[in-house]
C-alpha cells in the first residue's frame, strides 16, 4: 500500500471513532502510526520523532505524518510503495 493511501485509511478510522463519540487522543494516534509502519527504512525517522517526544516535544499525529511522508519521499520508489 502506498504511504499516502495508508495515511488516508488511518485518518478515516480516526474519523469513524470520532463520529461514534470515542475520539482517539493525539498521543495514541501517533503510537498507532508508529506501530502500523512496517518498513525498516523508516526506523530512523520514527526514532527521531520518538527522541523529540522523550525530550519533551509534543508531537501531534499531523506532525508525525508530515515528517514520515517527507522521509518516504526520499526513499527509492521501489521501497516506498511497500511501507505498510
PDB file of N, CA and C in Angstrom:
ATOM      1  N   UNK A   1       0.849  -1.179   0.000  1.00  0.00           N
ATOM      2  CA  UNK A   1       0.000   0.000   0.000  1.00  0.00           C
ATOM      3  C   UNK A   1       0.893   1.240   0.000  1.00  0.00           C
ATOM      4  N   UNK A   2       0.557   2.197  -0.815  1.00  0.00           N
ATOM      5  CA  UNK A   2       1.288   3.453  -0.847  1.00  0.00           C
ATOM      6  C   UNK A   2       1.084   4.195   0.477  1.00  0.00           C
ATOM      7  N   UNK A   3       2.083   4.953   0.867  1.00  0.00           N
ATOM      8  CA  UNK A   3       2.050   5.608   2.176  1.00  0.00           C
ATOM      9  C   UNK A   3       0.885   6.590   2.296  1.00  0.00           C
ATOM     10  N   UNK A   4       0.634   7.364   1.257  1.00  0.00           N
ATOM     11  CA  UNK A   4      -0.471   8.326   1.322  1.00  0.00           C
ATOM     12  C   UNK A   4      -1.817   7.615   1.469  1.00  0.00           C
ATOM     13  N   UNK A   5      -1.972   6.496   0.809  1.00  0.00           N
ATOM     14  CA  UNK A   5      -3.199   5.707   0.958  1.00  0.00           C
ATOM     15  C   UNK A   5      -3.331   5.183   2.382  1.00  0.00           C
ATOM     16  N   UNK A   6      -2.210   4.750   2.931  1.00  0.00           N
ATOM     17  CA  UNK A   6      -2.192   4.282   4.308  1.00  0.00           C
ATOM     18  C   UNK A   6      -2.634   5.390   5.262  1.00  0.00           C
ATOM     19  N   UNK A   7      -2.082   6.590   5.090  1.00  0.00           N
ATOM     20  CA  UNK A   7      -2.460   7.713   5.954  1.00  0.00           C
ATOM     21  C   UNK A   7      -3.935   8.060   5.805  1.00  0.00           C
ATOM     22  N   UNK A   8      -4.441   7.991   4.585  1.00  0.00           N
ATOM     23  CA  UNK A   8      -5.856   8.272   4.340  1.00  0.00           C
ATOM     24  C   UNK A   8      -6.740   7.256   5.059  1.00  0.00           C
ATOM     25  N   UNK A   9      -6.386   5.985   4.965  1.00  0.00           N
ATOM     26  CA  UNK A   9      -7.167   4.943   5.637  1.00  0.00           C
ATOM     27  C   UNK A   9      -7.123   5.097   7.159  1.00  0.00           C
ATOM     28  N   UNK A  10      -5.956   5.442   7.665  1.00  0.00           N
ATOM     29  CA  UNK A  10      -5.812   5.632   9.105  1.00  0.00           C
ATOM     30  C   UNK A  10      -6.672   6.808   9.574  1.00  0.00           C
ATOM     31  N   UNK A  11      -6.660   7.897   8.802  1.00  0.00           N
ATOM     32  CA  UNK A  11      -7.468   9.064   9.158  1.00  0.00           C
ATOM     33  C   UNK A  11      -8.962   8.733   9.108  1.00  0.00           C
ATOM     34  N   UNK A  12      -9.373   7.933   8.127  1.00  0.00           N
ATOM     35  CA  UNK A  12     -10.778   7.514   8.058  1.00  0.00           C
ATOM     36  C   UNK A  12     -11.169   6.744   9.318  1.00  0.00           C
ATOM     37  N   UNK A  13     -10.269   5.878   9.787  1.00  0.00           N
ATOM     38  CA  UNK A  13     -10.533   5.120  11.008  1.00  0.00           C
ATOM     39  C   UNK A  13     -10.703   6.066  12.198  1.00  0.00           C
ATOM     40  N   UNK A  14      -9.809   7.047  12.314  1.00  0.00           N
ATOM     41  CA  UNK A  14      -9.912   8.003  13.420  1.00  0.00           C
ATOM     42  C   UNK A  14     -11.204   8.806  13.328  1.00  0.00           C
ATOM     43  N   UNK A  15     -11.626   9.161  12.113  1.00  0.00           N
ATOM     44  CA  UNK A  15     -12.871   9.907  11.928  1.00  0.00           C
ATOM     45  C   UNK A  15     -14.084   9.084  12.351  1.00  0.00           C
ATOM     46  N   UNK A  16     -14.062   7.794  12.057  1.00  0.00           N
ATOM     47  CA  UNK A  16     -15.169   6.919  12.471  1.00  0.00           C
ATOM     48  C   UNK A  16     -15.267   6.884  13.993  1.00  0.00           C
ATOM     49  N   UNK A  17     -14.133   6.741  14.664  1.00  0.00           N
ATOM     50  CA  UNK A  17     -14.141   6.758  16.130  1.00  0.00           C
ATOM     51  C   UNK A  17     -14.714   8.075  16.649  1.00  0.00           C
ATOM     52  N   UNK A  18     -14.314   9.183  16.033  1.00  0.00           N
ATOM     53  CA  UNK A  18     -14.793  10.500  16.465  1.00  0.00           C
ATOM     54  C   UNK A  18     -16.300  10.611  16.277  1.00  0.00           C
ATOM     55  N   UNK A  19     -16.798  10.150  15.122  1.00  0.00           N
ATOM     56  CA  UNK A  19     -18.234  10.197  14.852  1.00  0.00           C
ATOM     57  C   UNK A  19     -19.018   9.365  15.858  1.00  0.00           C
ATOM     58  N   UNK A  20     -18.405   8.325  16.380  1.00  0.00           N
ATOM     59  CA  UNK A  20     -19.068   7.456  17.355  1.00  0.00           C
ATOM     60  C   UNK A  20     -18.895   7.960  18.784  1.00  0.00           C
ATOM     61  N   UNK A  21     -18.282   9.138  18.928  1.00  0.00           N
ATOM     62  CA  UNK A  21     -18.107   9.735  20.250  1.00  0.00           C
ATOM     63  C   UNK A  21     -16.938   9.165  21.033  1.00  0.00           C
ATOM     64  N   UNK A  22     -16.036   8.476  20.356  1.00  0.00           N
ATOM     65  CA  UNK A  22     -14.872   7.880  21.017  1.00  0.00           C
ATOM     66  C   UNK A  22     -13.589   8.373  20.342  1.00  0.00           C
ATOM     67  N   UNK A  23     -13.394   9.679  20.380  1.00  0.00           N
ATOM     68  CA  UNK A  23     -12.238  10.257  19.697  1.00  0.00           C
ATOM     69  C   UNK A  23     -10.930   9.694  20.251  1.00  0.00           C
ATOM     70  N   UNK A  24     -10.023   9.374  19.358  1.00  0.00           N
ATOM     71  CA  UNK A  24      -8.722   8.819  19.725  1.00  0.00           C
ATOM     72  C   UNK A  24      -7.812   9.981  20.116  1.00  0.00           C
ATOM     73  N   UNK A  25      -7.212   9.932  21.320  1.00  0.00           N
ATOM     74  CA  UNK A  25      -6.300  11.007  21.735  1.00  0.00           C
ATOM     75  C   UNK A  25      -5.087  11.112  20.806  1.00  0.00           C
ATOM     76  N   UNK A  26      -4.538  12.312  20.678  1.00  0.00           N
ATOM     77  CA  UNK A  26      -3.413  12.572  19.777  1.00  0.00           C
ATOM     78  C   UNK A  26      -2.242  11.642  20.031  1.00  0.00           C
ATOM     79  N   UNK A  27      -1.856  11.469  21.287  1.00  0.00           N
ATOM     80  CA  UNK A  27      -0.694  10.622  21.580  1.00  0.00           C
ATOM     81  C   UNK A  27      -0.935   9.174  21.163  1.00  0.00           C
ATOM     82  N   UNK A  28      -2.167   8.728  21.262  1.00  0.00           N
ATOM     83  CA  UNK A  28      -2.486   7.366  20.838  1.00  0.00           C
ATOM     84  C   UNK A  28      -2.466   7.253  19.311  1.00  0.00           C
ATOM     85  N   UNK A  29      -2.926   8.292  18.616  1.00  0.00           N
ATOM     86  CA  UNK A  29      -2.855   8.296  17.150  1.00  0.00           C
ATOM     87  C   UNK A  29      -1.406   8.147  16.697  1.00  0.00           C
ATOM     88  N   UNK A  30      -0.518   8.878  17.350  1.00  0.00           N
ATOM     89  CA  UNK A  30       0.901   8.829  16.994  1.00  0.00           C
ATOM     90  C   UNK A  30       1.459   7.428  17.245  1.00  0.00           C
ATOM     91  N   UNK A  31       1.125   6.831  18.384  1.00  0.00           N
ATOM     92  CA  UNK A  31       1.602   5.476  18.682  1.00  0.00           C
ATOM     93  C   UNK A  31       1.087   4.473  17.665  1.00  0.00           C
ATOM     94  N   UNK A  32      -0.172   4.607  17.263  1.00  0.00           N
ATOM     95  CA  UNK A  32      -0.748   3.715  16.253  1.00  0.00           C
ATOM     96  C   UNK A  32       0.003   3.884  14.930  1.00  0.00           C
ATOM     97  N   UNK A  33       0.278   5.120  14.561  1.00  0.00           N
ATOM     98  CA  UNK A  33       1.017   5.390  13.330  1.00  0.00           C
ATOM     99  C   UNK A  33       2.376   4.697  13.351  1.00  0.00           C
ATOM    100  N   UNK A  34       3.116   4.860  14.428  1.00  0.00           N
ATOM    101  CA  UNK A  34       4.427   4.213  14.546  1.00  0.00           C
ATOM    102  C   UNK A  34       4.314   2.688  14.447  1.00  0.00           C
ATOM    103  N   UNK A  35       3.335   2.147  15.149  1.00  0.00           N
ATOM    104  CA  UNK A  35       3.197   0.693  15.220  1.00  0.00           C
ATOM    105  C   UNK A  35       2.808   0.078  13.877  1.00  0.00           C
ATOM    106  N   UNK A  36       1.983   0.785  13.111  1.00  0.00           N
ATOM    107  CA  UNK A  36       1.482   0.241  11.852  1.00  0.00           C
ATOM    108  C   UNK A  36       2.522   0.262  10.732  1.00  0.00           C
ATOM    109  N   UNK A  37       3.522   1.122  10.845  1.00  0.00           N
ATOM    110  CA  UNK A  37       4.548   1.207   9.801  1.00  0.00           C
ATOM    111  C   UNK A  37       5.515   0.046   9.973  1.00  0.00           C
ATOM    112  N   UNK A  38       5.630  -0.745   8.937  1.00  0.00           N
ATOM    113  CA  UNK A  38       6.490  -1.922   8.992  1.00  0.00           C
ATOM    114  C   UNK A  38       7.504  -1.878   7.868  1.00  0.00           C
ATOM    115  N   UNK A  39       8.376  -0.889   7.943  1.00  0.00           N
ATOM    116  CA  UNK A  39       9.410  -0.739   6.938  1.00  0.00           C
ATOM    117  C   UNK A  39      10.670  -0.250   7.639  1.00  0.00           C
ATOM    118  N   UNK A  40      11.723  -1.046   7.575  1.00  0.00           N
ATOM    119  CA  UNK A  40      12.964  -0.719   8.259  1.00  0.00           C
ATOM    120  C   UNK A  40      13.582   0.582   7.778  1.00  0.00           C
ATOM    121  N   UNK A  41      13.283   0.987   6.556  1.00  0.00           N
ATOM    122  CA  UNK A  41      13.839   2.222   6.022  1.00  0.00           C
ATOM    123  C   UNK A  41      13.299   3.460   6.736  1.00  0.00           C
ATOM    124  N   UNK A  42      12.211   3.318   7.471  1.00  0.00           N
ATOM    125  CA  UNK A  42      11.640   4.454   8.199  1.00  0.00           C
ATOM    126  C   UNK A  42      11.965   4.421   9.688  1.00  0.00           C
ATOM    127  N   UNK A  43      12.718   3.425  10.121  1.00  0.00           N
ATOM    128  CA  UNK A  43      13.059   3.317  11.543  1.00  0.00           C
ATOM    129  C   UNK A  43      13.759   4.564  12.070  1.00  0.00           C
ATOM    130  N   UNK A  44      14.702   5.110  11.296  1.00  0.00           N
ATOM    131  CA  UNK A  44      15.433   6.306  11.750  1.00  0.00           C
ATOM    132  C   UNK A  44      14.498   7.496  11.910  1.00  0.00           C
ATOM    133  N   UNK A  45      13.569   7.655  10.985  1.00  0.00           N
ATOM    134  CA  UNK A  45      12.622   8.766  11.062  1.00  0.00           C
ATOM    135  C   UNK A  45      11.705   8.614  12.273  1.00  0.00           C
ATOM    136  N   UNK A  46      11.263   7.396  12.541  1.00  0.00           N
ATOM    137  CA  UNK A  46      10.410   7.147  13.704  1.00  0.00           C
ATOM    138  C   UNK A  46      11.194   7.368  14.997  1.00  0.00           C
ATOM    139  N   UNK A  47      12.439   6.896  15.027  1.00  0.00           N
ATOM    140  CA  UNK A  47      13.270   7.077  16.213  1.00  0.00           C
ATOM    141  C   UNK A  47      13.549   8.557  16.478  1.00  0.00           C
ATOM    142  N   UNK A  48      13.713   9.340  15.422  1.00  0.00           N
ATOM    143  CA  UNK A  48      13.926  10.789  15.583  1.00  0.00           C
ATOM    144  C   UNK A  48      12.701  11.444  16.219  1.00  0.00           C
ATOM    145  N   UNK A  49      11.511  11.033  15.782  1.00  0.00           N
ATOM    146  CA  UNK A  49      10.276  11.564  16.377  1.00  0.00           C
ATOM    147  C   UNK A  49      10.143  11.152  17.839  1.00  0.00           C
ATOM    148  N   UNK A  50      10.454   9.895  18.122  1.00  0.00           N
ATOM    149  CA  UNK A  50      10.375   9.411  19.499  1.00  0.00           C
ATOM    150  C   UNK A  50      11.375  10.151  20.401  1.00  0.00           C
ATOM    151  N   UNK A  51      12.548  10.450  19.865  1.00  0.00           N
ATOM    152  CA  UNK A  51      13.556  11.192  20.638  1.00  0.00           C
ATOM    153  C   UNK A  51      13.049  12.597  20.963  1.00  0.00           C
ATOM    154  N   UNK A  52      12.385  13.225  20.012  1.00  0.00           N
ATOM    155  CA  UNK A  52      11.808  14.551  20.260  1.00  0.00           C
ATOM    156  C   UNK A  52      10.750  14.480  21.356  1.00  0.00           C
ATOM    157  N   UNK A  53       9.942  13.423  21.323  1.00  0.00           N
ATOM    158  CA  UNK A  53       8.921  13.247  22.352  1.00  0.00           C
ATOM    159  C   UNK A  53       9.568  13.052  23.720  1.00  0.00           C
ATOM    160  N   UNK A  54      10.604  12.245  23.759  1.00  0.00           N
ATOM    161  CA  UNK A  54      11.313  11.999  25.011  1.00  0.00           C
ATOM    162  C   UNK A  54      11.905  13.293  25.559  1.00  0.00           C
ATOM    163  N   UNK A  55      12.342  14.167  24.660  1.00  0.00           N
ATOM    164  CA  UNK A  55      12.928  15.444  25.065  1.00  0.00           C
ATOM    165  C   UNK A  55      11.865  16.457  25.483  1.00  0.00           C
ATOM    166  N   UNK A  56      10.603  16.090  25.346  1.00  0.00           N
ATOM    167  CA  UNK A  56       9.525  16.956  25.818  1.00  0.00           C
ATOM    168  C   UNK A  56       8.704  17.623  24.736  1.00  0.00           C
ATOM    169  N   UNK A  57       9.026  17.383  23.481  1.00  0.00           N
ATOM    170  CA  UNK A  57       8.237  17.980  22.399  1.00  0.00           C
ATOM    171  C   UNK A  57       6.890  17.271  22.276  1.00  0.00           C
ATOM    172  N   UNK A  58       5.871  18.052  22.012  1.00  0.00           N
ATOM    173  CA  UNK A  58       4.536  17.492  21.801  1.00  0.00           C
ATOM    174  C   UNK A  58       4.389  17.200  20.313  1.00  0.00           C
ATOM    175  N   UNK A  59       4.479  15.936  19.939  1.00  0.00           N
ATOM    176  CA  UNK A  59       4.365  15.526  18.546  1.00  0.00           C
ATOM    177  C   UNK A  59       2.917  15.131  18.277  1.00  0.00           C
ATOM    178  N   UNK A  60       2.277  15.848  17.370  1.00  0.00           N
ATOM    179  CA  UNK A  60       0.905  15.519  17.004  1.00  0.00           C
ATOM    180  C   UNK A  60       0.910  14.491  15.881  1.00  0.00           C
ATOM    181  N   UNK A  61      -0.227  13.903  15.647  1.00  0.00           N
ATOM    182  CA  UNK A  61      -0.367  12.946  14.553  1.00  0.00           C
ATOM    183  C   UNK A  61      -0.013  13.615  13.228  1.00  0.00           C
ATOM    184  N   UNK A  62      -0.506  14.823  13.015  1.00  0.00           N
ATOM    185  CA  UNK A  62      -0.241  15.542  11.771  1.00  0.00           C
ATOM    186  C   UNK A  62       1.252  15.799  11.593  1.00  0.00           C
ATOM    187  N   UNK A  63       1.917  16.230  12.653  1.00  0.00           N
ATOM    188  CA  UNK A  63       3.353  16.473  12.582  1.00  0.00           C
ATOM    189  C   UNK A  63       4.102  15.188  12.232  1.00  0.00           C
ATOM    190  N   UNK A  64       3.744  14.097  12.882  1.00  0.00           N
ATOM    191  CA  UNK A  64       4.399  12.814  12.625  1.00  0.00           C
ATOM    192  C   UNK A  64       4.141  12.350  11.197  1.00  0.00           C
ATOM    193  N   UNK A  65       2.909  12.497  10.725  1.00  0.00           N
ATOM    194  CA  UNK A  65       2.565  12.074   9.366  1.00  0.00           C
ATOM    195  C   UNK A  65       3.344  12.876   8.329  1.00  0.00           C
ATOM    196  N   UNK A  66       3.479  14.173   8.537  1.00  0.00           N
ATOM    197  CA  UNK A  66       4.233  15.013   7.603  1.00  0.00           C
ATOM    198  C   UNK A  66       5.704  14.626   7.615  1.00  0.00           C
ATOM    199  N   UNK A  67       6.264  14.442   8.807  1.00  0.00           N
ATOM    200  CA  UNK A  67       7.673  14.049   8.936  1.00  0.00           C
ATOM    201  C   UNK A  67       7.928  12.725   8.214  1.00  0.00           C
ATOM    202  N   UNK A  68       7.056  11.767   8.434  1.00  0.00           N
ATOM    203  CA  UNK A  68       7.227  10.454   7.814  1.00  0.00           C
ATOM    204  C   UNK A  68       6.960  10.496   6.311  1.00  0.00           C
ATOM    205  N   UNK A  69       6.034  11.326   5.878  1.00  0.00           N
ATOM    206  CA  UNK A  69       5.787  11.481   4.439  1.00  0.00           C
ATOM    207  C   UNK A  69       7.025  12.035   3.744  1.00  0.00           C
ATOM    208  N   UNK A  70       7.688  12.968   4.399  1.00  0.00           N
ATOM    209  CA  UNK A  70       8.917  13.518   3.849  1.00  0.00           C
ATOM    210  C   UNK A  70       9.985  12.438   3.760  1.00  0.00           C
ATOM    211  N   UNK A  71      10.102  11.635   4.817  1.00  0.00           N
ATOM    212  CA  UNK A  71      11.081  10.546   4.817  1.00  0.00           C
ATOM    213  C   UNK A  71      10.770   9.544   3.712  1.00  0.00           C
ATOM    214  N   UNK A  72       9.496   9.245   3.507  1.00  0.00           N
ATOM    215  CA  UNK A  72       9.087   8.305   2.457  1.00  0.00           C
ATOM    216  C   UNK A  72       9.439   8.878   1.088  1.00  0.00           C
ATOM    217  N   UNK A  73       9.243  10.165   0.897  1.00  0.00           N
ATOM    218  CA  UNK A  73       9.520  10.772  -0.413  1.00  0.00           C
ATOM    219  C   UNK A  73      11.005  10.714  -0.766  1.00  0.00           C
ATOM    220  N   UNK A  74      11.854  10.527   0.225  1.00  0.00           N
ATOM    221  CA  UNK A  74      13.293  10.451  -0.007  1.00  0.00           C
ATOM    222  C   UNK A  74      13.768   9.020  -0.265  1.00  0.00           C
ATOM    223  N   UNK A  75      12.866   8.070  -0.140  1.00  0.00           N
ATOM    224  CA  UNK A  75      13.208   6.668  -0.404  1.00  0.00           C
ATOM    225  C   UNK A  75      13.062   6.364  -1.891  1.00  0.00           C
ATOM    226  N   UNK A  76      13.782   5.342  -2.383  1.00  0.00           N
ATOM    227  CA  UNK A  76      13.577   4.926  -3.775  1.00  0.00           C
ATOM    228  C   UNK A  76      12.125   4.473  -3.975  1.00  0.00           C
ATOM    229  N   UNK A  77      11.597   4.718  -5.151  1.00  0.00           N
ATOM    230  CA  UNK A  77      10.194   4.385  -5.442  1.00  0.00           C
ATOM    231  C   UNK A  77       9.873   2.926  -5.168  1.00  0.00           C
ATOM    232  N   UNK A  78      10.802   2.036  -5.418  1.00  0.00           N
ATOM    233  CA  UNK A  78      10.542   0.614  -5.192  1.00  0.00           C
ATOM    234  C   UNK A  78      10.347   0.312  -3.704  1.00  0.00           C
ATOM    235  N   UNK A  79      10.870   1.167  -2.849  1.00  0.00           N
ATOM    236  CA  UNK A  79      10.755   0.958  -1.401  1.00  0.00           C
ATOM    237  C   UNK A  79       9.482   1.554  -0.839  1.00  0.00           C
ATOM    238  N   UNK A  80       9.151   2.793  -1.227  1.00  0.00           N
ATOM    239  CA  UNK A  80       8.032   3.465  -0.577  1.00  0.00           C
ATOM    240  C   UNK A  80       6.688   2.872  -0.927  1.00  0.00           C
ATOM    241  N   UNK A  81       6.601   2.123  -1.964  1.00  0.00           N
ATOM    242  CA  UNK A  81       5.311   1.508  -2.315  1.00  0.00           C
ATOM    243  C   UNK A  81       4.937   0.379  -1.356  1.00  0.00           C
ATOM    244  N   UNK A  82       5.867  -0.091  -0.563  1.00  0.00           N
ATOM    245  CA  UNK A  82       5.559  -1.196   0.353  1.00  0.00           C
ATOM    246  C   UNK A  82       5.911  -0.825   1.798  1.00  0.00           C
ATOM    247  N   UNK A  83       5.436   0.335   2.215  1.00  0.00           N
ATOM    248  CA  UNK A  83       5.724   0.833   3.561  1.00  0.00           C
ATOM    249  C   UNK A  83       4.949   0.062   4.611  1.00  0.00           C
ATOM    250  N   UNK A  84       3.700  -0.213   4.342  1.00  0.00           N
ATOM    251  CA  UNK A  84       2.871  -0.896   5.347  1.00  0.00           C
ATOM    252  C   UNK A  84       2.310  -2.178   4.781  1.00  0.00           C
TER     253      UNK A  84
END
